[in-house]
């Protein structure tokens, strides 16, 4: 009697492994783009709003004073720009360079959040304005109040931080800017694929997950770039 061979479990090959992780990588990429861009926009806009208000006593009356985020601290606005540049640079580099840029993205978000939180209760800017307004170097602001804009800036920094964390965790799976330059359906000689170009007329452009610019355009059109076509 001959022995019946026992079937051995098959291990997934590299292609299957890449396919299984592709969906999560694309979702992380789209999320990082949205979080990073939104966080930078929030940090830049909120840091330009009024953070603190008060009055300075002059003669028998008082003069209203206010300070925006850039008067209190210029760190959130500066790091918001750094974070936005790092978000774009993530796709321009690969390997260890991508890890470093992703770390810079995360650190810039943390810096925005910490600086805005510390500035939420700061009165130095208004004290300096009060001293300048009254001509008394020892004068300080009266009736000091703070707005919610510093905490909105903190939220923007947290969004940038989350984008950096996603880039650190999933960035090695993401494509670079030099991934593909051929048109979809183009043949080896660069020409179109015949009648397929006419058949695709009137349909939404296909989103190539290996091209970050296609993901940006899909998000601008209100589409979900992670949805399987």
C-alpha atoms as a PDB file:
ATOM      1  CA  UNK A   1       0.000   0.000   0.000  1.00  0.00           C
ATOM      2  CA  UNK A   2       1.450   3.349  -1.006  1.00  0.00           C
ATOM      3  CA  UNK A   3       1.335   6.272   1.383  1.00  0.00           C
ATOM      4  CA  UNK A   4      -0.989   9.118   0.535  1.00  0.00           C
ATOM      5  CA  UNK A   5       0.906  12.403   0.576  1.00  0.00           C
ATOM      6  CA  UNK A   6      -0.341  14.844   3.157  1.00  0.00           C
ATOM      7  CA  UNK A   7      -1.100  18.214   1.577  1.00  0.00           C
ATOM      8  CA  UNK A   8       1.063  20.965   2.994  1.00  0.00           C
ATOM      9  CA  UNK A   9      -0.397  24.382   3.785  1.00  0.00           C
ATOM     10  CA  UNK A  10       0.489  26.929   1.160  1.00  0.00           C
ATOM     11  CA  UNK A  11       2.124  30.132   2.246  1.00  0.00           C
ATOM     12  CA  UNK A  12       1.120  33.355   0.645  1.00  0.00           C
ATOM     13  CA  UNK A  13       3.645  34.602  -1.856  1.00  0.00           C
ATOM     14  CA  UNK A  14       5.031  38.140  -2.027  1.00  0.00           C
ATOM     15  CA  UNK A  15       2.338  39.266  -4.482  1.00  0.00           C
ATOM     16  CA  UNK A  16      -0.487  38.004  -2.253  1.00  0.00           C
ATOM     17  CA  UNK A  17       1.113  39.629   0.778  1.00  0.00           C
ATOM     18  CA  UNK A  18       1.379  42.937  -1.064  1.00  0.00           C
ATOM     19  CA  UNK A  19      -2.248  42.699  -2.145  1.00  0.00           C
ATOM     20  CA  UNK A  20      -3.442  41.972   1.377  1.00  0.00           C
ATOM     21  CA  UNK A  21      -1.612  44.993   2.774  1.00  0.00           C
ATOM     22  CA  UNK A  22      -2.362  47.285  -0.143  1.00  0.00           C
ATOM     23  CA  UNK A  23      -5.828  48.269   1.026  1.00  0.00           C
ATOM     24  CA  UNK A  24      -4.634  49.246   4.493  1.00  0.00           C
ATOM     25  CA  UNK A  25      -1.715  51.149   3.019  1.00  0.00           C
ATOM     26  CA  UNK A  26      -3.945  53.117   0.665  1.00  0.00           C
ATOM     27  CA  UNK A  27      -6.381  53.945   3.454  1.00  0.00           C
ATOM     28  CA  UNK A  28      -3.512  55.096   5.666  1.00  0.00           C
ATOM     29  CA  UNK A  29      -2.150  57.199   2.807  1.00  0.00           C
ATOM     30  CA  UNK A  30      -5.498  58.910   2.200  1.00  0.00           C
ATOM     31  CA  UNK A  31      -5.979  59.464   5.929  1.00  0.00           C
ATOM     32  CA  UNK A  32      -2.485  60.934   6.323  1.00  0.00           C
ATOM     33  CA  UNK A  33      -3.059  63.330   3.416  1.00  0.00           C
ATOM     34  CA  UNK A  34      -6.380  64.509   4.841  1.00  0.00           C
ATOM     35  CA  UNK A  35      -5.158  64.791   8.434  1.00  0.00           C
ATOM     36  CA  UNK A  36      -1.901  66.530   7.539  1.00  0.00           C
ATOM     37  CA  UNK A  37      -3.447  69.036   5.137  1.00  0.00           C
ATOM     38  CA  UNK A  38      -6.370  69.775   7.463  1.00  0.00           C
ATOM     39  CA  UNK A  39      -4.093  70.081  10.502  1.00  0.00           C
ATOM     40  CA  UNK A  40      -1.722  72.492   8.786  1.00  0.00           C
ATOM     41  CA  UNK A  41      -4.629  74.613   7.534  1.00  0.00           C
ATOM     42  CA  UNK A  42      -6.226  74.720  10.982  1.00  0.00           C
ATOM     43  CA  UNK A  43      -2.933  75.613  12.679  1.00  0.00           C
ATOM     44  CA  UNK A  44      -2.174  78.424  10.220  1.00  0.00           C
ATOM     45  CA  UNK A  45      -5.688  79.902  10.312  1.00  0.00           C
ATOM     46  CA  UNK A  46      -6.202  79.596  14.072  1.00  0.00           C
ATOM     47  CA  UNK A  47      -2.788  81.057  14.903  1.00  0.00           C
ATOM     48  CA  UNK A  48      -3.837  84.243  13.107  1.00  0.00           C
ATOM     49  CA  UNK A  49      -6.955  84.734  15.240  1.00  0.00           C
ATOM     50  CA  UNK A  50      -7.330  86.666  18.509  1.00  0.00           C
ATOM     51  CA  UNK A  51      -5.982  84.603  21.399  1.00  0.00           C
ATOM     52  CA  UNK A  52      -6.116  87.106  24.272  1.00  0.00           C
ATOM     53  CA  UNK A  53      -7.901  90.368  25.111  1.00  0.00           C
ATOM     54  CA  UNK A  54      -7.587  92.919  27.878  1.00  0.00           C
ATOM     55  CA  UNK A  55      -7.361  96.605  28.707  1.00  0.00           C
ATOM     56  CA  UNK A  56      -4.666  99.103  29.632  1.00  0.00           C
ATOM     57  CA  UNK A  57      -5.368 101.928  32.079  1.00  0.00           C
ATOM     58  CA  UNK A  58      -4.625 105.316  30.512  1.00  0.00           C
ATOM     59  CA  UNK A  59      -5.446 108.490  32.428  1.00  0.00           C
ATOM     60  CA  UNK A  60      -8.939 108.167  33.780  1.00  0.00           C
ATOM     61  CA  UNK A  61     -10.040 105.482  31.334  1.00  0.00           C
ATOM     62  CA  UNK A  62      -8.885 102.282  29.656  1.00  0.00           C
ATOM     63  CA  UNK A  63      -7.794 101.232  26.178  1.00  0.00           C
ATOM     64  CA  UNK A  64      -8.817  97.815  24.783  1.00  0.00           C
ATOM     65  CA  UNK A  65      -5.971  95.555  23.710  1.00  0.00           C
ATOM     66  CA  UNK A  66      -5.899  92.247  21.875  1.00  0.00           C
ATOM     67  CA  UNK A  67      -3.207  89.845  20.701  1.00  0.00           C
ATOM     68  CA  UNK A  68      -3.437  87.204  17.995  1.00  0.00           C
ATOM     69  CA  UNK A  69      -1.606  83.907  18.017  1.00  0.00           C
ATOM     70  CA  UNK A  70       1.415  85.262  16.172  1.00  0.00           C
ATOM     71  CA  UNK A  71       1.766  88.027  18.768  1.00  0.00           C
ATOM     72  CA  UNK A  72       1.728  85.436  21.547  1.00  0.00           C
ATOM     73  CA  UNK A  73       4.027  82.901  19.851  1.00  0.00           C
ATOM     74  CA  UNK A  74       5.142  82.435  16.282  1.00  0.00           C
ATOM     75  CA  UNK A  75       5.960  78.757  16.787  1.00  0.00           C
ATOM     76  CA  UNK A  76       2.618  77.199  15.724  1.00  0.00           C
ATOM     77  CA  UNK A  77       2.474  79.088  12.420  1.00  0.00           C
ATOM     78  CA  UNK A  78       6.110  78.301  11.614  1.00  0.00           C
ATOM     79  CA  UNK A  79       5.752  74.616  12.473  1.00  0.00           C
ATOM     80  CA  UNK A  80       2.471  74.442  10.549  1.00  0.00           C
ATOM     81  CA  UNK A  81       4.378  75.432   7.408  1.00  0.00           C
ATOM     82  CA  UNK A  82       7.119  72.919   8.248  1.00  0.00           C
ATOM     83  CA  UNK A  83       4.488  70.205   8.688  1.00  0.00           C
ATOM     84  CA  UNK A  84       2.874  71.002   5.341  1.00  0.00           C
ATOM     85  CA  UNK A  85       6.256  70.866   3.597  1.00  0.00           C
ATOM     86  CA  UNK A  86       7.090  67.576   5.334  1.00  0.00           C
ATOM     87  CA  UNK A  87       3.746  66.112   4.227  1.00  0.00           C
ATOM     88  CA  UNK A  88       4.655  66.783   0.594  1.00  0.00           C
ATOM     89  CA  UNK A  89       8.260  65.641   1.078  1.00  0.00           C
ATOM     90  CA  UNK A  90       7.132  62.261   2.415  1.00  0.00           C
ATOM     91  CA  UNK A  91       6.358  61.234  -1.186  1.00  0.00           C
ATOM     92  CA  UNK A  92       9.581  62.637  -2.624  1.00  0.00           C
ATOM     93  CA  UNK A  93      11.871  60.324  -0.664  1.00  0.00           C
ATOM     94  CA  UNK A  94      12.040  56.617   0.085  1.00  0.00           C
ATOM     95  CA  UNK A  95      13.565  54.281   2.631  1.00  0.00           C
ATOM     96  CA  UNK A  96      15.314  55.844   5.591  1.00  0.00           C
ATOM     97  CA  UNK A  97      14.714  59.335   4.191  1.00  0.00           C
ATOM     98  CA  UNK A  98      10.962  58.778   4.315  1.00  0.00           C
ATOM     99  CA  UNK A  99      11.191  57.679   7.940  1.00  0.00           C
ATOM    100  CA  UNK A 100      13.114  60.837   8.843  1.00  0.00           C
ATOM    101  CA  UNK A 101      10.641  63.103   7.045  1.00  0.00           C
ATOM    102  CA  UNK A 102       7.711  61.287   8.673  1.00  0.00           C
ATOM    103  CA  UNK A 103       9.356  61.831  12.060  1.00  0.00           C
ATOM    104  CA  UNK A 104       9.744  65.536  11.228  1.00  0.00           C
ATOM    105  CA  UNK A 105       6.050  65.655  10.315  1.00  0.00           C
ATOM    106  CA  UNK A 106       5.072  64.111  13.644  1.00  0.00           C
ATOM    107  CA  UNK A 107       7.432  66.353  15.631  1.00  0.00           C
ATOM    108  CA  UNK A 108       6.144  69.489  13.922  1.00  0.00           C
ATOM    109  CA  UNK A 109       2.597  68.533  14.901  1.00  0.00           C
ATOM    110  CA  UNK A 110       3.649  67.908  18.495  1.00  0.00           C
ATOM    111  CA  UNK A 111       5.454  71.262  18.536  1.00  0.00           C
ATOM    112  CA  UNK A 112       2.375  73.095  17.265  1.00  0.00           C
ATOM    113  CA  UNK A 113       0.201  71.495  19.944  1.00  0.00           C
ATOM    114  CA  UNK A 114       2.608  72.142  22.823  1.00  0.00           C
ATOM    115  CA  UNK A 115       3.384  75.752  21.833  1.00  0.00           C
ATOM    116  CA  UNK A 116      -0.307  76.593  21.399  1.00  0.00           C
ATOM    117  CA  UNK A 117      -1.224  74.991  24.716  1.00  0.00           C
ATOM    118  CA  UNK A 118       1.465  76.964  26.559  1.00  0.00           C
ATOM    119  CA  UNK A 119       0.377  80.169  24.824  1.00  0.00           C
ATOM    120  CA  UNK A 120      -3.264  79.699  25.781  1.00  0.00           C
ATOM    121  CA  UNK A 121      -2.684  81.303  29.201  1.00  0.00           C
ATOM    122  CA  UNK A 122       0.228  83.596  28.321  1.00  0.00           C
ATOM    123  CA  UNK A 123      -0.103  87.334  29.013  1.00  0.00           C
ATOM    124  CA  UNK A 124       3.361  88.505  27.947  1.00  0.00           C
ATOM    125  CA  UNK A 125       2.250  89.905  24.603  1.00  0.00           C
ATOM    126  CA  UNK A 126      -0.544  91.985  26.113  1.00  0.00           C
ATOM    127  CA  UNK A 127       1.697  93.159  28.972  1.00  0.00           C
ATOM    128  CA  UNK A 128       4.145  94.486  26.395  1.00  0.00           C
ATOM    129  CA  UNK A 129       1.305  96.213  24.551  1.00  0.00           C
ATOM    130  CA  UNK A 130       0.065  97.751  27.803  1.00  0.00           C
ATOM    131  CA  UNK A 131       3.539  99.058  28.625  1.00  0.00           C
ATOM    132  CA  UNK A 132       3.892 100.546  25.158  1.00  0.00           C
ATOM    133  CA  UNK A 133       0.406 102.079  25.215  1.00  0.00           C
ATOM    134  CA  UNK A 134       0.752 103.690  28.645  1.00  0.00           C
ATOM    135  CA  UNK A 135       4.423 104.591  28.370  1.00  0.00           C
ATOM    136  CA  UNK A 136       5.027 102.817  31.668  1.00  0.00           C
ATOM    137  CA  UNK A 137       7.428  99.877  31.408  1.00  0.00           C
ATOM    138  CA  UNK A 138       5.936  98.373  34.596  1.00  0.00           C
ATOM    139  CA  UNK A 139       2.335  98.480  33.348  1.00  0.00           C
ATOM    140  CA  UNK A 140       0.470  95.214  32.853  1.00  0.00           C
ATOM    141  CA  UNK A 141      -2.780  94.292  31.123  1.00  0.00           C
ATOM    142  CA  UNK A 142      -6.040  94.454  33.052  1.00  0.00           C
ATOM    143  CA  UNK A 143      -9.200  92.322  32.627  1.00  0.00           C
ATOM    144  CA  UNK A 144      -7.255  89.644  30.788  1.00  0.00           C
ATOM    145  CA  UNK A 145      -9.343  87.034  28.946  1.00  0.00           C
ATOM    146  CA  UNK A 146      -8.410  84.248  26.536  1.00  0.00           C
ATOM    147  CA  UNK A 147     -10.344  82.858  23.576  1.00  0.00           C
ATOM    148  CA  UNK A 148     -10.705  79.278  22.366  1.00  0.00           C
ATOM    149  CA  UNK A 149      -8.445  79.770  19.345  1.00  0.00           C
ATOM    150  CA  UNK A 150      -5.292  78.461  21.080  1.00  0.00           C
ATOM    151  CA  UNK A 151      -7.063  75.167  21.697  1.00  0.00           C
ATOM    152  CA  UNK A 152      -8.211  75.052  18.069  1.00  0.00           C
ATOM    153  CA  UNK A 153      -4.536  75.420  17.164  1.00  0.00           C
ATOM    154  CA  UNK A 154      -3.738  72.546  19.535  1.00  0.00           C
ATOM    155  CA  UNK A 155      -6.252  70.411  17.626  1.00  0.00           C
ATOM    156  CA  UNK A 156      -4.534  71.299  14.347  1.00  0.00           C
ATOM    157  CA  UNK A 157      -1.208  70.194  15.798  1.00  0.00           C
ATOM    158  CA  UNK A 158      -2.720  66.887  16.916  1.00  0.00           C
ATOM    159  CA  UNK A 159      -3.984  66.252  13.370  1.00  0.00           C
ATOM    160  CA  UNK A 160      -0.493  66.844  11.984  1.00  0.00           C
ATOM    161  CA  UNK A 161       0.928  64.539  14.652  1.00  0.00           C
ATOM    162  CA  UNK A 162      -1.505  61.790  13.643  1.00  0.00           C
ATOM    163  CA  UNK A 163      -0.517  62.207   9.986  1.00  0.00           C
ATOM    164  CA  UNK A 164       3.128  61.799  10.978  1.00  0.00           C
ATOM    165  CA  UNK A 165       2.320  58.694  13.021  1.00  0.00           C
ATOM    166  CA  UNK A 166       0.556  57.128  10.029  1.00  0.00           C
ATOM    167  CA  UNK A 167       3.537  57.961   7.827  1.00  0.00           C
ATOM    168  CA  UNK A 168       5.880  56.297  10.313  1.00  0.00           C
ATOM    169  CA  UNK A 169       3.722  53.156  10.530  1.00  0.00           C
ATOM    170  CA  UNK A 170       2.714  52.712   6.880  1.00  0.00           C
ATOM    171  CA  UNK A 171       5.004  55.025   4.912  1.00  0.00           C
ATOM    172  CA  UNK A 172       7.242  52.233   3.600  1.00  0.00           C
ATOM    173  CA  UNK A 173       4.258  50.837   1.630  1.00  0.00           C
ATOM    174  CA  UNK A 174       3.428  54.139  -0.028  1.00  0.00           C
ATOM    175  CA  UNK A 175       4.581  54.993  -3.549  1.00  0.00           C
ATOM    176  CA  UNK A 176       6.936  57.815  -4.407  1.00  0.00           C
ATOM    177  CA  UNK A 177       6.413  60.667  -6.833  1.00  0.00           C
ATOM    178  CA  UNK A 178       8.550  58.916  -9.467  1.00  0.00           C
ATOM    179  CA  UNK A 179       6.462  55.732  -9.430  1.00  0.00           C
ATOM    180  CA  UNK A 180       4.739  55.920 -12.844  1.00  0.00           C
ATOM    181  CA  UNK A 181       4.591  58.396 -15.694  1.00  0.00           C
ATOM    182  CA  UNK A 182       2.803  56.381 -18.399  1.00  0.00           C
ATOM    183  CA  UNK A 183      -0.808  57.118 -19.260  1.00  0.00           C
ATOM    184  CA  UNK A 184      -3.281  54.388 -18.248  1.00  0.00           C
ATOM    185  CA  UNK A 185      -3.684  51.973 -21.176  1.00  0.00           C
ATOM    186  CA  UNK A 186      -0.627  53.222 -23.015  1.00  0.00           C
ATOM    187  CA  UNK A 187       1.363  50.661 -25.010  1.00  0.00           C
ATOM    188  CA  UNK A 188       5.122  50.179 -25.027  1.00  0.00           C
ATOM    189  CA  UNK A 189       5.526  52.902 -27.651  1.00  0.00           C
ATOM    190  CA  UNK A 190       3.606  55.422 -25.505  1.00  0.00           C
ATOM    191  CA  UNK A 191       0.503  55.373 -27.721  1.00  0.00           C
ATOM    192  CA  UNK A 192      -3.001  54.854 -26.450  1.00  0.00           C
ATOM    193  CA  UNK A 193      -4.648  51.469 -26.205  1.00  0.00           C
ATOM    194  CA  UNK A 194      -6.908  51.846 -29.251  1.00  0.00           C
ATOM    195  CA  UNK A 195     -10.634  51.926 -28.685  1.00  0.00           C
ATOM    196  CA  UNK A 196     -10.340  51.672 -24.940  1.00  0.00           C
ATOM    197  CA  UNK A 197      -9.744  55.420 -24.751  1.00  0.00           C
ATOM    198  CA  UNK A 198     -13.081  56.063 -26.421  1.00  0.00           C
ATOM    199  CA  UNK A 199     -14.843  53.538 -24.187  1.00  0.00           C
ATOM    200  CA  UNK A 200     -13.595  55.305 -21.091  1.00  0.00           C
ATOM    201  CA  UNK A 201     -14.901  58.669 -22.278  1.00  0.00           C
ATOM    202  CA  UNK A 202     -17.419  60.179 -19.932  1.00  0.00           C
ATOM    203  CA  UNK A 203     -16.319  58.073 -16.959  1.00  0.00           C
ATOM    204  CA  UNK A 204     -14.434  59.345 -13.912  1.00  0.00           C
ATOM    205  CA  UNK A 205     -10.641  59.000 -14.314  1.00  0.00           C
ATOM    206  CA  UNK A 206      -9.218  55.850 -12.773  1.00  0.00           C
ATOM    207  CA  UNK A 207      -7.335  56.391  -9.513  1.00  0.00           C
ATOM    208  CA  UNK A 208      -3.875  54.824  -9.612  1.00  0.00           C
ATOM    209  CA  UNK A 209      -2.930  53.947  -5.989  1.00  0.00           C
ATOM    210  CA  UNK A 210       0.742  54.218  -6.962  1.00  0.00           C
ATOM    211  CA  UNK A 211       0.420  57.904  -7.855  1.00  0.00           C
ATOM    212  CA  UNK A 212      -0.128  60.351  -4.958  1.00  0.00           C
ATOM    213  CA  UNK A 213      -1.295  63.029  -7.387  1.00  0.00           C
ATOM    214  CA  UNK A 214      -4.211  60.789  -8.453  1.00  0.00           C
ATOM    215  CA  UNK A 215      -5.221  60.390  -4.799  1.00  0.00           C
ATOM    216  CA  UNK A 216      -5.190  64.176  -4.325  1.00  0.00           C
ATOM    217  CA  UNK A 217      -7.362  64.663  -7.437  1.00  0.00           C
ATOM    218  CA  UNK A 218      -9.825  62.006  -6.280  1.00  0.00           C
ATOM    219  CA  UNK A 219     -10.138  63.694  -2.892  1.00  0.00           C
ATOM    220  CA  UNK A 220     -10.733  67.043  -4.633  1.00  0.00           C
ATOM    221  CA  UNK A 221     -13.547  65.444  -6.657  1.00  0.00           C
ATOM    222  CA  UNK A 222     -15.156  64.151  -3.452  1.00  0.00           C
ATOM    223  CA  UNK A 223     -14.385  60.515  -4.272  1.00  0.00           C
ATOM    224  CA  UNK A 224     -13.095  57.803  -1.944  1.00  0.00           C
ATOM    225  CA  UNK A 225      -9.667  56.800  -3.341  1.00  0.00           C
ATOM    226  CA  UNK A 226      -9.601  53.676  -1.147  1.00  0.00           C
ATOM    227  CA  UNK A 227     -12.778  52.217  -2.717  1.00  0.00           C
ATOM    228  CA  UNK A 228     -12.076  49.277  -4.965  1.00  0.00           C
ATOM    229  CA  UNK A 229     -13.216  49.962  -8.558  1.00  0.00           C
END
